[in-house]
Protein backbone atom coordinates (compact mmCIF):
# COMPACT_ATOMS: atom_id res chain seq x y z
CA MET A 1 0.00 0.00 0.00
CA LYS A 2 3.02 2.30 0.18
CA GLY A 3 2.44 3.55 -3.35
CA ASP A 4 -1.20 4.32 -2.55
CA TYR A 5 -0.16 6.38 0.45
CA GLN A 6 2.39 8.33 -1.59
CA ASP A 7 -0.17 9.08 -4.30
CA LEU A 8 -2.65 10.38 -1.73
CA VAL A 9 -0.03 12.52 0.02
CA ASP A 10 0.98 13.99 -3.35
CA GLU A 11 -2.71 14.72 -4.03
CA ILE A 12 -3.01 16.66 -0.77
CA SER A 13 0.22 18.55 -1.52
CA ALA A 14 -1.21 19.57 -4.90
CA LEU A 15 -4.55 20.62 -3.42
CA LEU A 16 -2.98 22.82 -0.76
CA GLY A 17 0.13 23.93 -2.59
CA ALA A 18 2.43 22.84 0.25
CA PRO A 19 4.64 19.81 0.93
CA ALA A 20 2.85 17.18 3.03
CA THR A 21 3.99 14.29 5.18
CA LEU A 22 1.94 11.35 6.43
CA GLU A 23 2.60 9.73 9.80
CA ASN A 24 0.69 7.00 11.58
CA ARG A 25 -0.85 7.68 14.97
CA ASP A 26 2.45 6.77 16.64
CA PHE A 27 4.23 9.48 14.63
CA ARG A 28 6.08 7.07 12.36
CA LEU A 29 6.62 8.38 8.85
CA ILE A 30 4.74 6.63 6.05
CA ALA A 31 5.12 9.00 3.08
CA PHE A 32 6.26 12.56 2.36
CA GLY A 33 6.13 15.03 -0.50
CA ALA A 34 8.97 17.05 -2.02
CA HIS A 35 9.66 20.52 -0.65
CA ASP A 36 10.92 23.70 -2.28
CA SER A 37 14.70 23.74 -1.81
CA ASP A 38 14.69 27.58 -1.92
CA ASP A 39 12.63 27.70 1.27
CA ASP A 40 15.18 27.77 4.09
CA LEU A 41 12.54 27.13 6.74
CA ALA A 42 10.88 24.17 5.02
CA MET A 43 13.26 21.67 6.62
CA ASP A 44 13.28 22.69 10.27
CA PRO A 45 14.85 20.28 12.82
CA VAL A 46 11.57 18.50 13.61
CA ARG A 47 10.67 17.83 9.97
CA THR A 48 14.25 16.88 9.08
CA ARG A 49 14.48 14.32 11.86
CA SER A 50 11.07 12.86 11.00
CA ILE A 51 12.10 12.27 7.38
CA LEU A 52 15.63 11.04 8.07
CA THR A 53 14.80 8.68 10.95
CA ARG A 54 11.20 7.96 9.85
CA GLN A 55 9.90 8.76 13.32
CA SER A 56 9.47 11.58 15.83
CA THR A 57 10.68 11.68 19.41
CA ALA A 58 8.35 11.20 22.37
CA ALA A 59 8.87 14.85 23.30
CA VAL A 60 7.85 16.05 19.83
CA ARG A 61 4.81 13.80 19.86
CA SER A 62 3.75 15.06 23.28
CA TRP A 63 4.20 18.67 22.19
CA PHE A 64 2.04 18.32 19.08
CA GLU A 65 -0.61 16.25 20.89
CA GLY A 66 -0.89 19.13 23.33
CA PHE A 67 -2.74 21.03 20.57
CA GLY A 68 -5.57 18.46 20.64
CA ILE A 69 -4.81 16.76 17.32
CA ALA A 70 -5.78 13.32 18.64
CA ARG A 71 -9.31 14.57 19.36
CA ALA A 72 -9.73 16.89 16.39
CA THR A 73 -12.04 16.05 13.50
CA GLY A 74 -10.85 18.87 11.25
CA PRO A 75 -7.66 20.78 10.41
CA VAL A 76 -5.61 22.06 13.35
CA ARG A 77 -3.22 25.01 12.97
CA ILE A 78 -0.09 24.89 15.11
CA PRO A 79 2.04 28.04 15.38
CA ALA A 80 5.77 28.22 14.79
CA THR A 81 7.82 27.68 17.94
CA PRO A 82 11.56 28.03 17.23
CA ASP A 83 12.49 26.97 20.77
CA ALA A 84 10.89 23.60 20.04
CA GLY A 85 12.63 23.27 16.67
CA VAL A 86 9.45 24.18 14.77
CA PHE A 87 10.54 27.10 12.60
CA ARG A 88 7.38 27.07 10.47
CA GLY A 89 3.79 26.72 11.56
CA ARG A 90 1.99 23.50 10.74
CA ILE A 91 -1.43 22.45 9.54
CA CYS A 92 -2.39 19.04 10.86
CA LEU A 93 -5.11 17.03 9.10
CA PRO A 94 -6.28 14.21 11.41
CA VAL A 95 -6.65 10.93 9.53
CA ARG A 96 -9.63 9.04 10.91
CA TYR A 97 -11.70 5.98 10.15
CA ARG A 98 -15.06 5.51 11.87
CA GLY A 99 -14.11 8.11 14.44
CA ILE A 100 -10.78 6.50 15.39
CA VAL A 101 -7.59 8.41 14.63
CA GLN A 102 -5.30 6.40 12.34
CA GLY A 103 -2.62 8.99 11.64
CA TYR A 104 -1.87 12.59 10.68
CA VAL A 105 -1.09 14.53 7.52
CA TRP A 106 1.25 17.45 8.17
CA LEU A 107 1.71 20.53 6.01
CA LEU A 108 3.85 23.62 6.40
CA ASP A 109 1.62 26.62 6.96
CA GLN A 110 2.19 29.77 4.93
CA GLU A 111 0.70 33.16 4.19
CA PRO A 112 -1.82 33.24 2.70
CA GLY A 113 -2.79 29.76 3.79
CA PRO A 114 -5.18 27.41 2.00
CA ASP A 115 -8.84 28.42 1.98
CA ALA A 116 -11.64 26.45 3.59
CA GLU A 117 -12.68 24.80 0.30
CA ALA A 118 -9.18 23.46 -0.31
CA LEU A 119 -8.92 22.20 3.27
CA ASP A 120 -12.28 20.40 2.94
CA ALA A 121 -11.02 18.69 -0.22
CA ALA A 122 -7.81 17.70 1.55
CA MET A 123 -9.80 16.24 4.46
CA GLU A 124 -11.71 14.05 2.00
CA VAL A 125 -8.37 12.66 0.80
CA ALA A 126 -7.34 12.17 4.45
CA GLN A 127 -10.45 10.05 4.95
CA ARG A 128 -9.34 7.79 2.11
CA ILE A 129 -5.96 7.47 3.80
CA GLY A 130 -7.74 6.55 7.03
CA LEU A 131 -9.54 3.72 5.27
CA LEU A 132 -6.24 2.34 3.93
CA LEU A 133 -4.58 2.53 7.35
CA ALA A 134 -7.54 0.79 8.99
CA GLU A 135 -7.52 -1.94 6.35
CA GLU A 136 -3.80 -2.47 6.88
CA ALA A 137 -4.33 -2.77 10.64
CA ARG A 138 -7.14 -5.27 10.10
CA ALA A 139 -4.91 -7.29 7.80
CA GLY A 140 -2.59 -7.89 10.77
CA ALA A 141 -5.50 -9.13 12.85
CA ASP A 142 -6.67 -11.31 9.96
CA LEU A 143 -3.39 -13.24 10.14
CA SER A 144 -4.32 -14.60 13.55
CA ARG A 145 -4.74 -18.16 12.26
CA GLU A 146 -1.30 -18.29 10.65
CA PHE A 147 0.35 -16.55 13.62
CA LEU A 148 -1.33 -18.87 16.12
CA ALA A 149 -0.18 -21.90 14.12
CA VAL A 150 3.45 -20.80 14.43
CA LEU A 151 3.17 -20.30 18.18
CA THR A 152 1.44 -23.62 18.89
CA ALA A 153 2.95 -25.97 16.30
CA GLY A 154 5.21 -28.77 17.47
CA ARG A 155 8.86 -28.68 16.56
CA GLY A 156 10.03 -30.00 13.23
CA TRP A 157 8.15 -30.03 9.94
CA GLN A 158 4.88 -28.76 11.46
CA GLN A 159 6.57 -25.63 12.73
CA ASP A 160 8.47 -25.19 9.45
CA MET A 161 5.22 -25.33 7.49
CA ALA A 162 3.50 -22.89 9.84
CA VAL A 163 6.36 -20.39 9.52
CA ALA A 164 6.29 -20.72 5.72
CA ALA A 165 2.54 -20.04 5.66
CA LEU A 166 2.94 -16.96 7.85
CA ARG A 167 5.76 -15.67 5.64
CA VAL A 168 3.56 -15.97 2.55
CA ALA A 169 0.63 -14.28 4.33
CA LEU A 170 2.77 -11.37 5.53
CA GLY A 171 4.33 -10.78 2.11
CA PRO A 172 6.97 -8.02 1.99
CA SER A 173 6.09 -6.91 5.51
CA GLY A 174 7.48 -10.22 6.78
CA GLU A 175 11.00 -9.07 5.96
CA GLY A 176 13.08 -7.19 8.50
CA ALA A 177 13.18 -7.18 12.28
CA HIS A 178 10.27 -8.17 14.50
CA ALA A 179 9.61 -8.71 18.19
CA ALA A 180 7.09 -10.90 19.97
CA VAL A 181 4.91 -9.45 22.72
CA CYS A 182 2.92 -11.44 25.29
CA VAL A 183 0.19 -9.77 27.36
CA SER A 184 -1.10 -12.00 30.14
CA PRO A 185 -3.73 -12.77 31.22
CA TRP A 186 -6.03 -11.69 28.40
CA SER A 187 -9.80 -12.00 28.36
CA GLY A 188 -11.96 -11.84 25.29
CA GLU A 189 -10.95 -11.64 21.65
CA ALA A 190 -7.90 -10.08 20.04
CA PRO A 191 -8.21 -6.32 19.40
CA ALA A 192 -9.06 -5.29 15.85
CA SER A 193 -6.06 -2.97 15.66
CA VAL A 194 -2.71 -2.78 17.45
CA PRO A 195 -0.19 -0.07 16.48
CA GLY A 196 2.76 -1.46 14.52
CA ALA A 197 1.45 -5.03 14.61
CA ALA A 198 2.08 -7.43 11.75
CA ALA A 199 -0.16 -10.08 13.34
CA VAL A 200 -2.24 -10.55 16.50
CA CYS A 201 -3.86 -13.60 18.07
CA VAL A 202 -5.13 -14.99 21.36
CA VAL A 203 -3.17 -18.01 22.58
CA PRO A 204 -4.89 -20.61 24.78
CA TRP A 205 -2.96 -22.22 27.61
CA ARG A 206 -3.26 -25.82 28.73
CA GLY A 207 -5.51 -26.74 31.60
CA ALA A 208 -4.66 -28.03 35.04
CA GLY A 209 -2.55 -31.17 35.27
CA GLU A 210 -0.72 -30.56 32.00
CA GLN A 211 2.72 -29.26 31.36
CA GLU A 212 2.55 -25.60 30.44
CA PRO A 213 1.43 -23.08 33.07
CA HIS A 214 -0.15 -19.73 32.46
CA PRO A 215 2.64 -17.32 31.48
CA GLY A 216 1.59 -14.58 33.86
CA GLY A 217 1.65 -16.79 36.93
CA GLY A 218 -2.12 -16.63 37.31
CA GLY A 219 -2.77 -20.38 37.26
CA PRO A 220 -2.63 -23.14 34.69
CA ALA A 221 -5.72 -22.24 32.69
CA GLY A 222 -6.48 -19.14 30.65
CA GLN A 223 -5.21 -17.30 27.63
CA CYS A 224 -2.86 -14.51 26.68
CA LEU A 225 -2.51 -12.09 23.78
CA ALA A 226 0.31 -12.56 21.27
CA VAL A 227 1.44 -9.68 19.07
CA LEU A 228 4.04 -9.73 16.29
CA ILE A 229 5.52 -6.22 16.09
CA ARG A 230 7.42 -4.72 13.15
CA LEU A 231 10.56 -2.94 14.34
CA ARG A 232 12.01 0.18 12.76
CA GLY A 233 14.25 3.09 13.67
CA ALA A 234 17.12 3.72 16.04
CA ASP A 235 15.21 2.49 19.12
CA PRO A 236 14.26 -1.00 17.94
CA LEU A 237 11.86 -1.99 20.70
CA ALA A 238 10.02 1.35 20.84
CA PRO A 239 7.15 0.09 18.59
CA ALA A 240 6.62 -2.87 20.94
CA LEU A 241 6.42 -0.61 24.00
CA THR A 242 4.08 1.74 22.14
CA ALA A 243 1.77 -1.16 21.31
CA ILE A 244 1.78 -2.28 24.94
CA SER A 245 0.90 1.25 26.06
CA ARG A 246 -2.30 0.95 23.99
CA LEU A 247 -3.08 -2.53 25.30
CA MET A 248 -2.20 -1.73 28.92
CA PRO A 249 -2.88 2.00 29.44
CA GLY A 250 -0.69 3.48 32.14
CA ALA A 251 1.42 0.35 32.60
CA ALA A 252 3.84 0.06 29.67
CA GLY A 253 6.48 2.58 30.61
CA ALA A 254 8.38 0.60 33.22
CA ALA A 255 9.92 -1.97 30.90
CA GLY A 256 12.76 -4.02 32.22
CA GLY A 257 12.67 -2.29 35.59
CA LYS A 258 13.31 1.16 34.16
CA THR A 259 10.89 4.06 34.02
CA THR A 260 10.69 5.83 30.69
CA ALA A 261 9.40 9.35 30.08
CA PRO A 262 5.92 8.22 28.95
CA ALA A 263 5.68 6.02 32.04
CA ALA A 264 6.63 8.85 34.34
CA ALA A 265 3.95 11.02 32.78
CA ALA A 266 1.41 8.27 33.40
CA GLY A 267 2.49 7.81 37.02
CA VAL A 268 4.13 4.41 36.45
CA THR A 269 7.25 3.64 38.43
CA ALA A 270 9.58 0.69 38.57
CA GLY A 271 9.57 -1.36 41.72
CA VAL A 272 5.80 -1.69 42.02
CA GLY A 273 4.69 -5.30 41.94
CA HIS A 274 1.74 -6.46 39.87
CA PRO A 275 1.48 -10.17 40.81
CA ALA A 276 -2.30 -10.30 40.41
CA GLY A 277 -2.63 -7.95 37.46
CA VAL A 278 -1.92 -7.94 33.76
CA THR A 279 1.73 -8.12 32.74
CA ALA A 280 3.54 -8.02 29.41
CA GLY A 281 6.78 -9.46 28.08
CA VAL A 282 8.84 -8.34 25.09
CA SER A 283 11.32 -10.56 23.24
CA ASP A 284 14.63 -9.53 21.77
CA PRO A 285 14.45 -8.43 18.11
CA VAL A 286 14.61 -11.26 15.57
CA ARG A 287 15.58 -10.92 11.93
CA ALA A 288 13.97 -14.06 10.53
CA LEU A 289 10.51 -15.55 11.05
CA THR A 290 12.14 -18.92 11.70
CA ALA A 291 13.29 -17.43 15.03
CA LEU A 292 9.73 -16.44 15.97
CA PRO A 293 8.98 -19.52 18.15
CA ALA A 294 12.08 -18.78 20.23
CA ALA A 295 11.08 -15.11 20.45
CA TRP A 296 7.65 -16.15 21.69
CA GLN A 297 9.26 -18.24 24.43
CA GLN A 298 11.24 -15.14 25.44
CA ALA A 299 8.10 -12.98 25.51
CA THR A 300 6.13 -15.44 27.65
CA ALA A 301 9.08 -15.86 30.01
CA ALA A 302 9.34 -12.10 30.37
CA ALA A 303 5.60 -11.81 31.09
CA ARG A 304 5.88 -14.47 33.78
CA ALA A 305 8.92 -12.73 35.24
CA ALA A 306 7.06 -9.40 35.32
CA ALA A 307 4.37 -11.06 37.42
CA ALA A 308 6.95 -12.74 39.66
CA GLY A 309 9.50 -9.96 40.15
CA PRO A 310 8.19 -6.80 41.87
CA ARG A 311 11.16 -4.75 40.66
CA LEU A 312 10.50 -5.51 37.00
CA GLY A 313 7.19 -3.66 36.88
CA PRO A 314 4.19 -4.67 34.76
CA VAL A 315 6.25 -4.79 31.54
CA ALA A 316 9.52 -6.69 31.18
CA GLN A 317 11.96 -7.12 28.35
CA TRP A 318 13.61 -10.52 28.00
CA SER A 319 17.05 -8.92 28.07
CA ALA A 320 16.36 -7.43 31.53
CA ILE A 321 14.80 -10.27 33.55
CA GLY A 322 18.08 -11.63 34.92
CA PRO A 323 17.87 -15.12 36.50
CA TYR A 324 14.30 -15.56 35.29
CA ARG A 325 15.72 -16.07 31.80
CA MET A 326 17.03 -19.43 32.96
CA LEU A 327 14.36 -20.27 35.51
CA ALA A 328 11.47 -19.75 33.09
CA SER A 329 12.89 -22.41 30.78
CA VAL A 330 13.94 -25.00 33.37
CA ALA A 331 11.10 -24.57 35.85
CA GLU A 332 8.02 -25.23 33.70
CA GLU A 333 6.48 -26.91 36.75
CA ALA A 334 6.71 -25.68 40.32
CA LEU A 335 9.88 -26.96 41.97
CA ASP A 336 9.43 -28.97 45.16
CA ASP A 337 12.94 -29.31 46.53
CA PRO A 338 12.73 -31.04 49.93
CA VAL A 339 15.40 -28.77 51.39
CA THR A 340 13.36 -25.61 50.82
CA ARG A 341 9.86 -27.12 51.13
CA ALA A 342 9.34 -26.04 54.73
CA LEU A 343 10.60 -22.53 54.12
CA ARG A 344 8.33 -22.04 51.12
CA GLY A 345 5.26 -23.26 52.97
CA PRO A 346 2.47 -20.97 54.20
CA ALA A 347 3.78 -21.05 57.79
CA ASN A 348 7.00 -19.15 57.08
CA PRO A 349 6.38 -16.36 54.58
CA GLU A 350 8.41 -13.83 56.58
CA LEU A 351 11.42 -16.14 56.76
CA ALA A 352 11.23 -16.82 53.02
CA ARG A 353 11.06 -13.10 52.29
CA THR A 354 13.97 -12.40 54.64
CA ALA A 355 16.11 -15.06 52.97
CA GLU A 356 15.29 -13.79 49.49
CA VAL A 357 16.06 -10.15 50.31
CA PHE A 358 19.31 -11.18 52.03
CA LEU A 359 20.39 -13.13 48.95
CA ASP A 360 19.23 -10.35 46.61
CA CYS A 361 21.55 -8.05 48.58
CA ALA A 362 24.48 -10.41 47.88
CA GLY A 363 24.61 -11.47 51.54
CA GLN A 364 25.27 -7.94 52.81
CA ALA A 365 23.55 -7.84 56.19
CA GLY A 366 23.39 -4.06 56.48
CA ARG A 367 21.71 -3.62 53.09
CA ALA A 368 19.30 -6.48 53.75
CA ALA A 369 18.28 -5.19 57.17
CA ALA A 370 17.67 -1.72 55.74
CA ALA A 371 15.62 -3.12 52.85
CA LEU A 372 13.50 -5.16 55.27
CA GLY A 373 13.20 -2.34 57.79
CA ILE A 374 14.46 -4.49 60.68
CA HIS A 375 17.38 -4.45 63.10
CA ARG A 376 20.48 -6.35 62.06
CA GLN A 377 20.17 -8.69 65.06
CA THR A 378 16.62 -9.54 63.98
CA LEU A 379 18.00 -10.36 60.55
CA TYR A 380 20.62 -12.67 62.04
CA TYR A 381 17.99 -14.43 64.12
CA ARG A 382 15.74 -15.01 61.10
CA LEU A 383 18.64 -16.29 59.01
CA SER A 384 19.54 -18.77 61.73
CA ARG A 385 15.93 -20.01 61.64
CA VAL A 386 16.22 -20.36 57.86
CA GLU A 387 19.31 -22.53 58.30
CA GLN A 388 17.55 -24.67 60.93
CA LEU A 389 14.51 -25.27 58.73
CA THR A 390 16.42 -25.98 55.53
CA GLY A 391 19.60 -27.59 56.79
CA LEU A 392 21.52 -25.18 54.55
CA ASP A 393 24.64 -23.26 55.48
CA LEU A 394 24.30 -19.69 54.23
CA ASP A 395 28.07 -19.26 54.44
CA GLU A 396 28.37 -21.79 51.60
CA GLY A 397 28.00 -20.51 48.02
CA GLU A 398 26.23 -23.59 46.64
CA ASP A 399 23.73 -23.60 49.49
CA ARG A 400 23.01 -19.93 48.86
CA LEU A 401 22.57 -20.63 45.15
CA LEU A 402 20.13 -23.48 45.78
CA LEU A 403 18.02 -21.41 48.16
CA HIS A 404 18.05 -18.30 45.97
CA MET A 405 17.01 -20.17 42.82
CA ALA A 406 14.31 -22.14 44.65
CA LEU A 407 12.78 -18.96 46.02
CA LYS A 408 12.91 -17.19 42.63
CA ALA A 409 11.47 -20.21 40.81
CA ALA A 410 8.61 -20.38 43.32
CA ARG A 411 7.58 -16.85 42.30
CA LEU A 412 6.90 -18.04 38.74
CA HIS A 413 4.19 -20.37 40.03
CA VAL A 414 2.41 -18.24 42.60
């Protein structure tokens, strides 16, 4: 559809006598028209960066959205603001389909500007663009059968055939980098549109007594949402985090235990546990669809880790989940090591927490006592009780490792 978008952008440029650019609703460039090289202000820093990197920064997006473009149904004029890198005023034409914003057409404002009749004609073209963008988004959702087959097929020829079918269905958009996203738990059907998604589906999880638990730690039965995200630009995982922000409003900023600017604006901070809520996991980027099953395993592991690890926040990237990268693959079922069974039972939650914090603090008593809010002597007493119950010697590295891993693994199956 790229050619269709370019033709429509060129049509708007001709109608209004000004160079136009088309961005999707996440401010990623889709098409742009030529500009007059004699106009020194035509390529201000904001427009130059958008064209060269094919995206705008979060700060630029926030600044423009402050003028109400996401709610507007007609043209919005935005004044020049040199301090923000906007040397020329803009005219923004919201691109909508059935009332939902799909993107924006941007034009450089000038004196005298286009009249109302020309702007009305340009808005009609913008509506046609909105239909194309909506159809493209639906196409991703329509690939749910092929996407689901890849995620659920057994290894070997079945998986190879499923990947081949998905590659054919995706066409040219199947080339390049992608990431897998898991949102868990998920109720209902897959959304009709997810920003930047190449495919979306709902994945069922096996019932009680079978091998694979729910990825978010919420029990063995249920379902989660799987999203295949196209990656572009200098910040490769930004499209995945943007998609999660739409699926989990107010929760997608703290990815991998770090708080990003959008998260801070939404009041999301790292270090807040969400064991009973919705969590999301993001895989590392993959360059070939044959690596998609492995990416999906990463995404589900990250979602489970986000539910298990309070410091990870509601959204976790595979690259940032630390020991859970290993535990999620080796501990598909809850571990029941006899040495740690008593400590992990319901009678000793405070001792288990004390031991975990002490080990998280690398055995530094002062740090652990401060983190727990207790006196150091109280810490020593509790640790002695831990040793009595488990038979472990916390001065021994292997005993510490066994206890630490058992406690972390138990979190994946709460």
